[in-house]
PDB file of all heavy atoms in Angstrom:
ATOM      1  N   LYS A   1      47.064  78.070  -6.418  1.00  0.00           N
ATOM      2  CA  LYS A   1      46.833  79.490  -6.189  1.00  0.00           C
ATOM      3  C   LYS A   1      46.403  80.099  -7.512  1.00  0.00           C
ATOM      4  O   LYS A   1      47.105  80.000  -8.512  1.00  0.00           O
ATOM      5  CB  LYS A   1      48.113  80.169  -5.686  1.00  0.00           C
ATOM      6  CG  LYS A   1      47.968  81.682  -5.513  1.00  0.00           C
ATOM      7  CD  LYS A   1      49.315  82.326  -5.209  1.00  0.00           C
ATOM      8  CE  LYS A   1      49.212  83.835  -5.186  1.00  0.00           C
ATOM      9  NZ  LYS A   1      50.544  84.481  -5.028  1.00  0.00           N
ATOM     10  N   ILE A   2      45.238  80.715  -7.505  1.00  0.00           N
ATOM     11  CA  ILE A   2      44.647  81.248  -8.738  1.00  0.00           C
ATOM     12  C   ILE A   2      44.482  82.751  -8.595  1.00  0.00           C
ATOM     13  O   ILE A   2      43.886  83.235  -7.625  1.00  0.00           O
ATOM     14  CB  ILE A   2      43.267  80.612  -9.010  1.00  0.00           C
ATOM     15  CG1 ILE A   2      43.379  79.089  -9.021  1.00  0.00           C
ATOM     16  CG2 ILE A   2      42.680  81.125 -10.315  1.00  0.00           C
ATOM     17  CD1 ILE A   2      42.044  78.384  -8.927  1.00  0.00           C
ATOM     18  N   ASN A   3      44.999  83.494  -9.546  1.00  0.00           N
ATOM     19  CA  ASN A   3      44.777  84.940  -9.615  1.00  0.00           C
ATOM     20  C   ASN A   3      43.930  85.201 -10.846  1.00  0.00           C
ATOM     21  O   ASN A   3      44.413  85.074 -11.972  1.00  0.00           O
ATOM     22  CB  ASN A   3      46.118  85.675  -9.705  1.00  0.00           C
ATOM     23  CG  ASN A   3      45.954  87.171  -9.497  1.00  0.00           C
ATOM     24  OD1 ASN A   3      45.060  87.776 -10.063  1.00  0.00           O
ATOM     25  ND2 ASN A   3      46.818  87.766  -8.706  1.00  0.00           N
ATOM     26  N   SER A   4      42.667  85.542 -10.654  1.00  0.00           N
ATOM     27  CA  SER A   4      41.743  85.656 -11.779  1.00  0.00           C
ATOM     28  C   SER A   4      40.494  86.420 -11.356  1.00  0.00           C
ATOM     29  O   SER A   4      40.092  86.380 -10.189  1.00  0.00           O
ATOM     30  CB  SER A   4      41.343  84.255 -12.266  1.00  0.00           C
ATOM     31  OG  SER A   4      40.273  84.316 -13.196  1.00  0.00           O
ATOM     32  N   SER A   5      39.882  87.082 -12.320  1.00  0.00           N
ATOM     33  CA  SER A   5      38.605  87.744 -12.048  1.00  0.00           C
ATOM     34  C   SER A   5      37.524  86.708 -11.723  1.00  0.00           C
ATOM     35  O   SER A   5      36.510  87.029 -11.101  1.00  0.00           O
ATOM     36  CB  SER A   5      38.179  88.588 -13.252  1.00  0.00           C
ATOM     37  OG  SER A   5      38.064  87.778 -14.415  1.00  0.00           O
ATOM     38  N   SER A   6      37.736  85.455 -12.126  1.00  0.00           N
ATOM     39  CA  SER A   6      36.767  84.397 -11.838  1.00  0.00           C
ATOM     40  C   SER A   6      36.666  84.101 -10.347  1.00  0.00           C
ATOM     41  O   SER A   6      35.675  83.534  -9.891  1.00  0.00           O
ATOM     42  CB  SER A   6      37.158  83.108 -12.573  1.00  0.00           C
ATOM     43  OG  SER A   6      37.157  83.303 -13.970  1.00  0.00           O
ATOM     44  N   VAL A   7      37.693  84.485  -9.573  1.00  0.00           N
ATOM     45  CA  VAL A   7      37.673  84.246  -8.133  1.00  0.00           C
ATOM     46  C   VAL A   7      36.496  84.981  -7.477  1.00  0.00           C
ATOM     47  O   VAL A   7      35.952  84.527  -6.471  1.00  0.00           O
ATOM     48  CB  VAL A   7      39.014  84.670  -7.500  1.00  0.00           C
ATOM     49  CG1 VAL A   7      38.956  84.638  -5.980  1.00  0.00           C
ATOM     50  CG2 VAL A   7      40.135  83.759  -8.003  1.00  0.00           C
ATOM     51  N   ALA A   8      36.098  86.102  -8.065  1.00  0.00           N
ATOM     52  CA  ALA A   8      34.969  86.857  -7.513  1.00  0.00           C
ATOM     53  C   ALA A   8      33.708  86.003  -7.471  1.00  0.00           C
ATOM     54  O   ALA A   8      32.865  86.161  -6.575  1.00  0.00           O
ATOM     55  CB  ALA A   8      34.721  88.121  -8.337  1.00  0.00           C
ATOM     56  N   ARG A   9      33.567  85.072  -8.417  1.00  0.00           N
ATOM     57  CA  ARG A   9      32.397  84.197  -8.431  1.00  0.00           C
ATOM     58  C   ARG A   9      32.441  83.228  -7.256  1.00  0.00           C
ATOM     59  O   ARG A   9      31.405  82.804  -6.741  1.00  0.00           O
ATOM     60  CB  ARG A   9      32.327  83.426  -9.752  1.00  0.00           C
ATOM     61  CG  ARG A   9      32.299  84.293 -10.988  1.00  0.00           C
ATOM     62  CD  ARG A   9      31.062  85.191 -11.033  1.00  0.00           C
ATOM     63  NE  ARG A   9      29.830  84.425 -11.048  1.00  0.00           N
ATOM     64  CZ  ARG A   9      29.300  83.885 -12.134  1.00  0.00           C
ATOM     65  NH1 ARG A   9      29.903  84.015 -13.296  1.00  0.00           N
ATOM     66  NH2 ARG A   9      28.175  83.208 -12.069  1.00  0.00           N
ATOM     67  N   LEU A  10      33.649  82.863  -6.848  1.00  0.00           N
ATOM     68  CA  LEU A  10      33.815  81.983  -5.684  1.00  0.00           C
ATOM     69  C   LEU A  10      33.350  82.688  -4.414  1.00  0.00           C
ATOM     70  O   LEU A  10      32.647  82.112  -3.574  1.00  0.00           O
ATOM     71  CB  LEU A  10      35.284  81.577  -5.566  1.00  0.00           C
ATOM     72  CG  LEU A  10      35.673  80.505  -4.553  1.00  0.00           C
ATOM     73  CD1 LEU A  10      34.936  79.202  -4.836  1.00  0.00           C
ATOM     74  CD2 LEU A  10      37.177  80.277  -4.600  1.00  0.00           C
ATOM     75  N   VAL A  11      33.726  83.956  -4.270  1.00  0.00           N
ATOM     76  CA  VAL A  11      33.285  84.745  -3.121  1.00  0.00           C
ATOM     77  C   VAL A  11      31.769  84.909  -3.149  1.00  0.00           C
ATOM     78  O   VAL A  11      31.093  84.795  -2.122  1.00  0.00           O
ATOM     79  CB  VAL A  11      33.965  86.127  -3.114  1.00  0.00           C
ATOM     80  CG1 VAL A  11      33.449  86.979  -1.963  1.00  0.00           C
ATOM     81  CG2 VAL A  11      35.480  85.976  -3.005  1.00  0.00           C
ATOM     82  N   GLU A  12      31.244  85.154  -4.343  1.00  0.00           N
ATOM     83  CA  GLU A  12      29.786  85.308  -4.485  1.00  0.00           C
ATOM     84  C   GLU A  12      29.065  84.039  -4.039  1.00  0.00           C
ATOM     85  O   GLU A  12      28.008  84.097  -3.397  1.00  0.00           O
ATOM     86  CB  GLU A  12      29.438  85.619  -5.939  1.00  0.00           C
ATOM     87  CG  GLU A  12      27.947  85.788  -6.185  1.00  0.00           C
ATOM     88  CD  GLU A  12      27.615  85.948  -7.656  1.00  0.00           C
ATOM     89  OE1 GLU A  12      28.536  86.239  -8.447  1.00  0.00           O
ATOM     90  OE2 GLU A  12      26.439  85.781  -8.007  1.00  0.00           O
ATOM     91  N   PHE A  13      29.642  82.880  -4.354  1.00  0.00           N
ATOM     92  CA  PHE A  13      29.029  81.613  -3.961  1.00  0.00           C
ATOM     93  C   PHE A  13      28.902  81.519  -2.440  1.00  0.00           C
ATOM     94  O   PHE A  13      27.836  81.187  -1.911  1.00  0.00           O
ATOM     95  CB  PHE A  13      29.850  80.447  -4.503  1.00  0.00           C
ATOM     96  CG  PHE A  13      29.458  79.114  -3.937  1.00  0.00           C
ATOM     97  CD1 PHE A  13      28.265  78.511  -4.292  1.00  0.00           C
ATOM     98  CD2 PHE A  13      30.285  78.458  -3.031  1.00  0.00           C
ATOM     99  CE1 PHE A  13      27.895  77.284  -3.762  1.00  0.00           C
ATOM    100  CE2 PHE A  13      29.929  77.231  -2.497  1.00  0.00           C
ATOM    101  CZ  PHE A  13      28.731  76.643  -2.863  1.00  0.00           C
ATOM    102  N   PHE A  14      29.980  81.814  -1.722  1.00  0.00           N
ATOM    103  CA  PHE A  14      29.928  81.709  -0.265  1.00  0.00           C
ATOM    104  C   PHE A  14      29.050  82.800   0.345  1.00  0.00           C
ATOM    105  O   PHE A  14      28.377  82.560   1.361  1.00  0.00           O
ATOM    106  CB  PHE A  14      31.339  81.720   0.322  1.00  0.00           C
ATOM    107  CG  PHE A  14      32.013  80.387   0.209  1.00  0.00           C
ATOM    108  CD1 PHE A  14      32.909  80.133  -0.819  1.00  0.00           C
ATOM    109  CD2 PHE A  14      31.718  79.364   1.092  1.00  0.00           C
ATOM    110  CE1 PHE A  14      33.512  78.887  -0.950  1.00  0.00           C
ATOM    111  CE2 PHE A  14      32.305  78.113   0.974  1.00  0.00           C
ATOM    112  CZ  PHE A  14      33.208  77.881  -0.057  1.00  0.00           C
ATOM    113  N   ASN A  15      29.035  83.978  -0.263  1.00  0.00           N
ATOM    114  CA  ASN A  15      28.125  85.019   0.223  1.00  0.00           C
ATOM    115  C   ASN A  15      26.674  84.596   0.052  1.00  0.00           C
ATOM    116  O   ASN A  15      25.818  84.868   0.909  1.00  0.00           O
ATOM    117  CB  ASN A  15      28.370  86.332  -0.516  1.00  0.00           C
ATOM    118  CG  ASN A  15      29.619  87.048  -0.034  1.00  0.00           C
ATOM    119  OD1 ASN A  15      30.084  86.819   1.072  1.00  0.00           O
ATOM    120  ND2 ASN A  15      30.169  87.918  -0.863  1.00  0.00           N
ATOM    121  N   SER A  16      26.386  83.904  -1.045  1.00  0.00           N
ATOM    122  CA  SER A  16      25.006  83.435  -1.258  1.00  0.00           C
ATOM    123  C   SER A  16      24.631  82.365  -0.228  1.00  0.00           C
ATOM    124  O   SER A  16      23.483  82.289   0.207  1.00  0.00           O
ATOM    125  CB  SER A  16      24.844  82.890  -2.683  1.00  0.00           C
ATOM    126  OG  SER A  16      25.557  81.679  -2.865  1.00  0.00           O
ATOM    127  N   LEU A  17      25.609  81.548   0.195  1.00  0.00           N
ATOM    128  CA  LEU A  17      25.337  80.559   1.238  1.00  0.00           C
ATOM    129  C   LEU A  17      25.024  81.239   2.569  1.00  0.00           C
ATOM    130  O   LEU A  17      24.173  80.780   3.332  1.00  0.00           O
ATOM    131  CB  LEU A  17      26.534  79.622   1.413  1.00  0.00           C
ATOM    132  CG  LEU A  17      26.867  78.685   0.243  1.00  0.00           C
ATOM    133  CD1 LEU A  17      28.033  77.787   0.615  1.00  0.00           C
ATOM    134  CD2 LEU A  17      25.662  77.851  -0.160  1.00  0.00           C
ATOM    135  N   ILE A  18      25.732  82.345   2.833  1.00  0.00           N
ATOM    136  CA  ILE A  18      25.476  83.100   4.062  1.00  0.00           C
ATOM    137  C   ILE A  18      24.084  83.713   4.021  1.00  0.00           C
ATOM    138  O   ILE A  18      23.304  83.618   4.982  1.00  0.00           O
ATOM    139  CB  ILE A  18      26.546  84.190   4.271  1.00  0.00           C
ATOM    140  CG1 ILE A  18      27.900  83.546   4.583  1.00  0.00           C
ATOM    141  CG2 ILE A  18      26.141  85.139   5.393  1.00  0.00           C
ATOM    142  CD1 ILE A  18      29.050  84.527   4.633  1.00  0.00           C
ATOM    143  N   VAL A  19      23.750  84.337   2.899  1.00  0.00           N
ATOM    144  CA  VAL A  19      22.435  84.968   2.762  1.00  0.00           C
ATOM    145  C   VAL A  19      21.326  83.933   2.916  1.00  0.00           C
ATOM    146  O   VAL A  19      20.304  84.176   3.565  1.00  0.00           O
ATOM    147  CB  VAL A  19      22.322  85.680   1.392  1.00  0.00           C
ATOM    148  CG1 VAL A  19      20.885  86.137   1.144  1.00  0.00           C
ATOM    149  CG2 VAL A  19      23.266  86.880   1.343  1.00  0.00           C
ATOM    150  N   ALA A  20      21.540  82.749   2.339  1.00  0.00           N
ATOM    151  CA  ALA A  20      20.529  81.689   2.409  1.00  0.00           C
ATOM    152  C   ALA A  20      20.598  80.886   3.708  1.00  0.00           C
ATOM    153  O   ALA A  20      19.840  79.950   3.897  1.00  0.00           O
ATOM    154  CB  ALA A  20      20.706  80.732   1.220  1.00  0.00           C
ATOM    155  N   ARG A  21      21.542  81.267   4.599  1.00  0.00           N
ATOM    156  CA  ARG A  21      21.742  80.591   5.880  1.00  0.00           C
ATOM    157  C   ARG A  21      22.112  79.122   5.730  1.00  0.00           C
ATOM    158  O   ARG A  21      21.864  78.301   6.618  1.00  0.00           O
ATOM    159  CB  ARG A  21      20.501  80.734   6.779  1.00  0.00           C
ATOM    160  CG  ARG A  21      20.204  82.186   7.159  1.00  0.00           C
ATOM    161  CD  ARG A  21      18.930  82.269   7.960  1.00  0.00           C
ATOM    162  NE  ARG A  21      18.646  83.664   8.326  1.00  0.00           N
ATOM    163  CZ  ARG A  21      18.704  84.135   9.553  1.00  0.00           C
ATOM    164  NH1 ARG A  21      19.022  83.342  10.549  1.00  0.00           N
ATOM    165  NH2 ARG A  21      18.439  85.407   9.799  1.00  0.00           N
ATOM    166  N   GLN A  22      22.738  78.794   4.628  1.00  0.00           N
ATOM    167  CA  GLN A  22      23.154  77.417   4.421  1.00  0.00           C
ATOM    168  C   GLN A  22      24.445  77.101   5.163  1.00  0.00           C
ATOM    169  O   GLN A  22      24.782  75.939   5.346  1.00  0.00           O
ATOM    170  CB  GLN A  22      23.351  77.150   2.923  1.00  0.00           C
ATOM    171  CG  GLN A  22      22.073  77.201   2.124  1.00  0.00           C
ATOM    172  CD  GLN A  22      21.064  76.174   2.609  1.00  0.00           C
ATOM    173  OE1 GLN A  22      21.341  74.980   2.610  1.00  0.00           O
ATOM    174  NE2 GLN A  22      19.893  76.625   3.017  1.00  0.00           N
ATOM    175  N   VAL A  23      25.199  78.121   5.563  1.00  0.00           N
ATOM    176  CA  VAL A  23      26.427  77.887   6.311  1.00  0.00           C
ATOM    177  C   VAL A  23      26.319  78.428   7.724  1.00  0.00           C
ATOM    178  O   VAL A  23      27.303  78.605   8.409  1.00  0.00           O
ATOM    179  CB  VAL A  23      27.655  78.505   5.615  1.00  0.00           C
ATOM    180  CG1 VAL A  23      27.926  77.822   4.306  1.00  0.00           C
ATOM    181  CG2 VAL A  23      27.481  80.006   5.437  1.00  0.00           C
ATOM    182  N   THR A  24      25.110  78.736   8.172  1.00  0.00           N
ATOM    183  CA  THR A  24      24.949  79.228   9.535  1.00  0.00           C
ATOM    184  C   THR A  24      23.933  78.413  10.312  1.00  0.00           C
ATOM    185  O   THR A  24      24.024  78.320  11.525  1.00  0.00           O
ATOM    186  CB  THR A  24      24.480  80.700   9.545  1.00  0.00           C
ATOM    187  OG1 THR A  24      23.202  80.779   8.930  1.00  0.00           O
ATOM    188  CG2 THR A  24      25.461  81.589   8.819  1.00  0.00           C
ATOM    189  N   GLN A  25      22.962  77.859   9.624  1.00  0.00           N
ATOM    190  CA  GLN A  25      21.873  77.151  10.288  1.00  0.00           C
ATOM    191  C   GLN A  25      21.297  77.990  11.425  1.00  0.00           C
ATOM    192  O   GLN A  25      20.952  77.505  12.481  1.00  0.00           O
ATOM    193  CB  GLN A  25      22.366  75.797  10.837  1.00  0.00           C
ATOM    194  CG  GLN A  25      22.833  74.853   9.756  1.00  0.00           C
ATOM    195  CD  GLN A  25      21.711  74.430   8.836  1.00  0.00           C
ATOM    196  OE1 GLN A  25      20.684  73.954   9.272  1.00  0.00           O
ATOM    197  NE2 GLN A  25      21.894  74.602   7.546  1.00  0.00           N
ATOM    198  N   GLY A  26      21.247  79.315  11.219  1.00  0.00           N
ATOM    199  CA  GLY A  26      20.717  80.221  12.237  1.00  0.00           C
ATOM    200  C   GLY A  26      21.716  80.623  13.290  1.00  0.00           C
ATOM    201  O   GLY A  26      21.420  81.440  14.138  1.00  0.00           O
ATOM    202  N   LEU A  27      22.930  80.052  13.271  1.00  0.00           N
ATOM    203  CA  LEU A  27      23.915  80.357  14.303  1.00  0.00           C
ATOM    204  C   LEU A  27      25.036  81.192  13.721  1.00  0.00           C
ATOM    205  O   LEU A  27      25.686  80.804  12.765  1.00  0.00           O
ATOM    206  CB  LEU A  27      24.497  79.067  14.882  1.00  0.00           C
ATOM    207  CG  LEU A  27      25.590  79.238  15.950  1.00  0.00           C
ATOM    208  CD1 LEU A  27      25.008  79.899  17.195  1.00  0.00           C
ATOM    209  CD2 LEU A  27      26.198  77.899  16.308  1.00  0.00           C
ATOM    210  N   ARG A  28      25.274  82.348  14.305  1.00  0.00           N
ATOM    211  CA  ARG A  28      26.397  83.176  13.913  1.00  0.00           C
ATOM    212  C   ARG A  28      27.272  83.376  15.140  1.00  0.00           C
ATOM    213  O   ARG A  28      26.777  83.674  16.216  1.00  0.00           O
ATOM    214  CB  ARG A  28      25.926  84.524  13.367  1.00  0.00           C
ATOM    215  CG  ARG A  28      27.087  85.442  12.998  1.00  0.00           C
ATOM    216  CD  ARG A  28      26.585  86.722  12.380  1.00  0.00           C
ATOM    217  NE  ARG A  28      27.686  87.648  12.183  1.00  0.00           N
ATOM    218  CZ  ARG A  28      27.553  88.845  11.634  1.00  0.00           C
ATOM    219  NH1 ARG A  28      26.371  89.247  11.229  1.00  0.00           N
ATOM    220  NH2 ARG A  28      28.589  89.640  11.488  1.00  0.00           N
ATOM    221  N   ILE A  29      28.564  83.204  14.982  1.00  0.00           N
ATOM    222  CA  ILE A  29      29.486  83.243  16.100  1.00  0.00           C
ATOM    223  C   ILE A  29      30.449  84.406  15.918  1.00  0.00           C
ATOM    224  O   ILE A  29      31.059  84.548  14.874  1.00  0.00           O
ATOM    225  CB  ILE A  29      30.279  81.926  16.204  1.00  0.00           C
ATOM    226  CG1 ILE A  29      29.315  80.754  16.263  1.00  0.00           C
ATOM    227  CG2 ILE A  29      31.207  81.936  17.399  1.00  0.00           C
ATOM    228  CD1 ILE A  29      29.904  79.471  15.814  1.00  0.00           C
ATOM    229  N   THR A  30      30.578  85.257  16.914  1.00  0.00           N
ATOM    230  CA  THR A  30      31.490  86.379  16.854  1.00  0.00           C
ATOM    231  C   THR A  30      32.540  86.236  17.930  1.00  0.00           C
ATOM    232  O   THR A  30      32.217  86.014  19.091  1.00  0.00           O
ATOM    233  CB  THR A  30      30.739  87.716  17.044  1.00  0.00           C
ATOM    234  OG1 THR A  30      29.765  87.838  16.021  1.00  0.00           O
ATOM    235  CG2 THR A  30      31.712  88.892  16.975  1.00  0.00           C
ATOM    236  N   ILE A  31      33.791  86.343  17.545  1.00  0.00           N
ATOM    237  CA  ILE A  31      34.888  86.293  18.498  1.00  0.00           C
ATOM    238  C   ILE A  31      35.345  87.724  18.739  1.00  0.00           C
ATOM    239  O   ILE A  31      35.776  88.407  17.831  1.00  0.00           O
ATOM    240  CB  ILE A  31      36.045  85.448  17.959  1.00  0.00           C
ATOM    241  CG1 ILE A  31      35.553  84.043  17.650  1.00  0.00           C
ATOM    242  CG2 ILE A  31      37.198  85.410  18.954  1.00  0.00           C
ATOM    243  CD1 ILE A  31      36.553  83.218  16.915  1.00  0.00           C
ATOM    244  N   ALA A  32      35.254  88.192  19.963  1.00  0.00           N
ATOM    245  CA  ALA A  32      35.600  89.571  20.273  1.00  0.00           C
ATOM    246  C   ALA A  32      36.938  89.622  21.006  1.00  0.00           C
ATOM    247  O   ALA A  32      37.551  88.601  21.311  1.00  0.00           O
ATOM    248  CB  ALA A  32      34.503  90.210  21.125  1.00  0.00           C
ATOM    249  N   LYS A  33      37.390  90.820  21.307  1.00  0.00           N
ATOM    250  CA  LYS A  33      38.698  90.991  21.934  1.00  0.00           C
ATOM    251  C   LYS A  33      38.733  90.350  23.325  1.00  0.00           C
ATOM    252  O   LYS A  33      37.720  90.108  23.940  1.00  0.00           O
ATOM    253  CB  LYS A  33      39.044  92.481  22.028  1.00  0.00           C
ATOM    254  CG  LYS A  33      38.063  93.316  22.859  1.00  0.00           C
ATOM    255  CD  LYS A  33      38.455  94.762  22.797  1.00  0.00           C
ATOM    256  CE  LYS A  33      37.481  95.631  23.596  1.00  0.00           C
ATOM    257  NZ  LYS A  33      37.853  97.041  23.566  1.00  0.00           N
TER     258      LYS A  33
END
C-alpha cells in the first residue's frame, strides 16, 4: 500500500490507456441499476 503523490502517475497511465483504447478495444461496458 503506497501513499504518495507518485500514485497520480499510475492513474494517468491507465487514463492514457483508455484514451488510446488500449484497454477497451472499442468495447465499453456499463453496468446499470
